[in-house]
Protein backbone atom coordinates (compact mmCIF):
# COMPACT_ATOMS: atom_id res chain seq x y z
CA MET A 1 48.47 98.49 87.02
CA GLY A 2 50.06 95.70 88.58
CA LYS A 3 51.70 95.62 92.05
CA GLU A 4 56.01 96.40 92.11
CA PRO A 5 58.10 94.40 93.89
CA ALA A 6 58.43 94.64 97.79
CA ASP A 7 62.22 96.10 96.87
CA PRO A 8 61.81 97.99 93.55
CA ARG A 9 65.00 99.76 94.59
CA GLN A 10 67.22 96.25 94.42
CA ARG A 11 64.78 94.88 91.63
CA ILE A 12 66.24 97.97 89.29
CA LEU A 13 69.79 97.68 90.60
CA ASP A 14 69.60 93.51 89.24
CA VAL A 15 68.17 94.50 86.10
CA ALA A 16 70.14 97.63 85.56
CA LEU A 17 73.22 95.74 86.12
CA LYS A 18 72.48 93.28 83.20
CA VAL A 19 71.26 95.54 81.02
CA PHE A 20 74.52 97.78 81.29
CA ALA A 21 76.80 95.23 81.49
CA HIS A 22 75.24 93.58 77.93
CA ASN A 23 74.61 97.05 76.04
CA GLY A 24 77.26 99.36 77.32
CA TYR A 25 76.08 102.76 78.87
CA ALA A 26 75.04 104.70 75.32
CA GLY A 27 72.79 101.04 74.27
CA ALA A 28 71.16 100.56 77.65
CA SER A 29 67.53 101.81 77.31
CA ILE A 30 65.66 103.09 80.74
CA GLN A 31 62.71 101.79 79.29
CA LYS A 32 63.89 98.19 78.94
CA ILE A 33 65.13 98.45 82.48
CA VAL A 34 62.05 99.72 83.85
CA ASP A 35 60.14 97.02 81.54
CA GLN A 36 62.06 93.85 82.82
CA ALA A 37 62.12 95.10 86.61
CA GLY A 38 58.61 95.61 86.50
CA VAL A 39 58.73 99.46 87.84
CA THR A 40 57.78 102.62 86.28
CA LYS A 41 60.57 105.49 85.33
CA PRO A 42 58.94 107.79 88.42
CA THR A 43 60.02 104.99 90.68
CA LEU A 44 63.42 104.55 88.97
CA TYR A 45 64.16 108.56 88.95
CA TYR A 46 62.96 108.42 92.60
CA HIS A 47 65.61 105.98 93.80
CA PHE A 48 68.27 107.40 91.04
CA LYS A 49 67.31 110.45 90.01
CA SER A 50 68.71 109.77 86.21
CA LYS A 51 70.46 107.42 83.79
CA GLU A 52 73.63 108.78 85.34
CA GLY A 53 72.84 107.93 89.09
CA LEU A 54 72.16 104.56 88.42
CA PHE A 55 75.14 103.94 86.57
CA GLN A 56 76.87 105.54 89.35
CA ALA A 57 75.09 103.80 91.97
CA LEU A 58 76.08 100.22 90.05
CA ILE A 59 79.96 101.37 90.21
CA ASP A 60 79.58 101.74 93.69
CA LEU A 61 78.01 98.66 94.44
CA ALA A 62 80.60 96.80 92.58
CA SER A 63 83.56 98.97 94.36
CA ASP A 64 81.47 97.85 98.05
CA GLU A 65 81.05 94.30 96.94
CA ARG A 66 84.72 93.78 96.15
CA PHE A 67 86.37 95.35 99.17
CA ARG A 68 84.29 93.61 101.46
CA VAL A 69 85.40 90.38 99.31
CA MET A 70 89.14 91.51 99.53
CA HIS A 71 88.82 92.54 103.10
CA LYS A 72 86.98 88.94 104.21
CA ALA A 73 89.62 87.20 102.34
CA ALA A 74 92.81 88.78 104.10
CA GLU A 75 91.25 89.02 107.85
CA ALA A 76 91.28 85.29 108.04
CA HIS A 77 95.23 85.27 107.63
CA GLU A 78 98.10 86.76 110.12
CA ALA A 79 101.16 86.29 107.23
CA LEU A 80 101.64 88.76 104.60
CA GLU A 81 101.96 85.61 101.90
CA ASP A 82 98.79 83.89 103.09
CA LYS A 83 97.28 87.28 103.18
CA LEU A 84 97.81 88.26 99.40
CA ILE A 85 97.11 84.67 98.34
CA ALA A 86 93.78 84.84 100.12
CA ILE A 87 93.02 88.04 98.43
CA THR A 88 94.02 86.55 94.73
CA GLU A 89 91.92 83.67 95.05
CA ALA A 90 88.63 85.45 96.38
CA MET A 91 89.16 88.34 93.98
CA ILE A 92 89.71 86.07 91.17
CA ARG A 93 86.93 83.78 92.34
CA HIS A 94 84.35 86.78 92.87
CA ALA A 95 85.30 87.60 88.87
CA SER A 96 84.41 84.36 88.07
CA ASP A 97 80.73 84.37 89.83
CA ARG A 98 80.30 88.36 89.33
CA ARG A 99 80.93 88.23 85.33
CA ASP A 100 78.13 91.19 84.60
CA LEU A 101 79.86 93.18 87.41
CA MET A 102 82.85 92.61 86.15
CA ARG A 103 81.66 93.45 82.26
CA LEU A 104 80.59 96.86 83.98
CA ILE A 105 83.73 97.93 85.67
CA PHE A 106 85.67 97.20 82.23
CA SER A 107 83.07 99.38 80.57
CA TYR A 108 83.50 101.93 82.56
CA TRP A 109 87.46 101.47 82.17
CA PHE A 110 87.77 101.00 79.02
CA GLY A 111 84.69 101.64 77.00
CA PRO A 112 84.65 104.47 74.07
CA PRO A 113 85.86 107.78 75.17
CA GLY A 114 83.27 110.02 76.01
CA GLU A 115 80.56 107.16 76.50
CA ILE A 116 80.73 107.75 80.50
CA PRO A 117 79.41 111.00 81.53
CA ARG A 118 81.96 112.84 83.36
CA SER A 119 79.83 112.88 86.54
CA VAL A 120 80.28 108.97 87.10
CA HIS A 121 83.76 108.12 88.83
CA CYS A 122 84.99 105.12 90.42
CA LYS A 123 86.81 106.78 93.72
CA LYS A 124 85.37 103.92 95.95
CA GLY A 125 87.52 101.64 94.02
CA LEU A 126 90.94 103.35 95.28
CA ARG A 127 90.31 101.91 98.76
CA ASN A 128 90.51 98.60 97.54
CA ARG A 129 94.26 99.71 96.31
CA ASP A 130 95.20 101.25 99.07
CA TYR A 131 93.98 98.70 100.87
CA VAL A 132 96.19 96.15 99.67
CA LYS A 133 99.14 98.67 99.48
CA LEU A 134 98.41 99.04 103.42
CA LEU A 135 99.77 95.27 103.60
CA ILE A 136 102.42 95.92 101.08
CA GLN A 137 103.57 99.07 103.33
CA GLN A 138 103.70 96.89 106.52
CA GLY A 139 105.34 93.67 104.47
CA ILE A 140 108.19 96.27 103.64
CA LYS A 141 108.36 97.98 107.21
CA SER A 142 108.52 94.32 108.84
CA GLY A 143 111.43 93.25 105.92
CA LYS A 144 109.24 90.66 104.47
CA LEU A 145 109.49 92.85 101.02
CA ASP A 146 112.47 94.35 99.39
CA PRO A 147 112.65 98.08 100.22
CA ARG A 148 114.26 98.74 97.19
CA TYR A 149 110.97 99.05 95.94
CA ASP A 150 107.85 101.75 97.16
CA GLY A 151 104.33 100.62 98.22
CA MET A 152 102.88 101.60 95.13
CA GLU A 153 105.09 99.93 92.90
CA LEU A 154 104.36 96.60 94.83
CA THR A 155 101.31 97.42 95.10
CA SER A 156 100.62 97.80 91.31
CA GLY A 157 102.79 94.48 90.33
CA ILE A 158 100.31 92.33 92.51
CA MET A 159 96.89 93.86 91.43
CA SER A 160 97.91 94.01 87.68
CA GLN A 161 98.34 90.05 88.22
CA ILE A 162 95.03 89.98 89.81
CA PHE A 163 93.57 91.98 87.53
CA ILE A 164 94.38 90.43 84.51
CA TYR A 165 93.44 86.96 85.67
CA SER A 166 89.80 88.50 86.86
CA MET A 167 89.86 90.03 82.78
CA SER A 168 90.00 86.53 81.80
CA GLN A 169 87.49 85.20 83.49
CA ILE A 170 85.42 87.42 81.09
CA LEU A 171 87.34 87.43 77.85
CA ASP A 172 88.13 83.43 77.61
CA PRO A 173 84.77 81.62 78.40
CA LYS A 174 87.22 78.67 78.11
CA PHE A 175 89.21 80.04 81.39
CA ARG A 176 89.08 77.96 84.08
CA ARG A 177 91.00 78.57 87.96
CA LYS A 178 93.42 75.99 88.51
CA PRO A 179 94.30 74.28 91.78
CA GLY A 180 97.13 76.53 93.92
CA GLN A 181 96.87 79.09 91.23
CA ALA A 182 97.03 82.10 93.83
CA ARG A 183 99.62 80.89 95.83
CA ARG A 184 101.74 80.42 92.20
CA ILE A 185 100.93 84.11 91.57
CA VAL A 186 101.46 85.67 94.56
CA ARG A 187 104.86 83.37 94.55
CA LEU A 188 106.08 84.85 91.49
CA PHE A 189 105.78 88.41 93.09
CA LEU A 190 107.19 87.51 95.83
CA GLU A 191 110.11 85.58 94.62
CA GLY A 192 109.89 86.93 90.86
CA ALA A 193 111.05 84.81 88.08
CA GLY A 194 114.76 84.58 88.02
CA PRO A 195 116.61 81.20 88.33
CA LYS A 196 116.99 80.47 92.08
CA SER A 197 120.33 78.96 93.16
CA LYS A 198 119.65 75.33 94.36
CA ASN A 199 119.92 76.00 97.89
CA ARG A 200 116.91 78.52 98.11
CA ARG A 201 114.93 76.22 95.49
CA ALA A 202 115.23 73.53 98.03
CA ALA A 203 114.27 75.47 100.77
C-alpha cells in the first residue's frame, strides 16, 4: 500500500471540495474522494465520521474563510463607507478566487429539496451577517445611516448586493469585476437610486 499524504485530512478536504462542488451532495462518491485523495475509507471516516460530516466540515470551512476575509478587509478602515467598500470588494474577489467553495455554498442553499441531510447546517454563516449588522447598527447610532430602517433591513440590503455579485462570478463565465465597482455598489446602497439635487450631486 502506498504511503498516504502527510496531512490526509487537508488532502481529503481539498479533493472533497471539488467533488461536491461539481457533482452535488447526492452525486459525490466517497470512493471517488478517497481514490483521488490517496487515502483509505477508514482514514476518511476517522477524520469526518461520515459523508455528512465531511460536507459539514466544508460548509464550516467556507463560513470561516469568508468571515476572515470580511473581518480583515473591514478592520483596515475607520469610516463606515470605507469598511463596506472593503468588505464588498473582498467578498466579490473571494468568490472569484474560490469558485468551488462558492458552488458548494450555493449547492447547500439552492440544491434539490431533501438532498442535503437535515443534520448539515450553516450556523457559522450567521456570524458573517451579524458582523455586517453590527457595523450597520453602529452607522445608525452615529447618524451615518437612516434610522427609519432597522439594522436587519439595511444589512439585508447591502449583503444582497454582495451575494448577487458573488453569484455572478459563478453563473456568468464572462463576468469580470470592474474598477470602482465595490464603491459604486456601496454608494448606491448609501445614497439610493433616486434623482439627486444639483447641490447634492455636485457635492
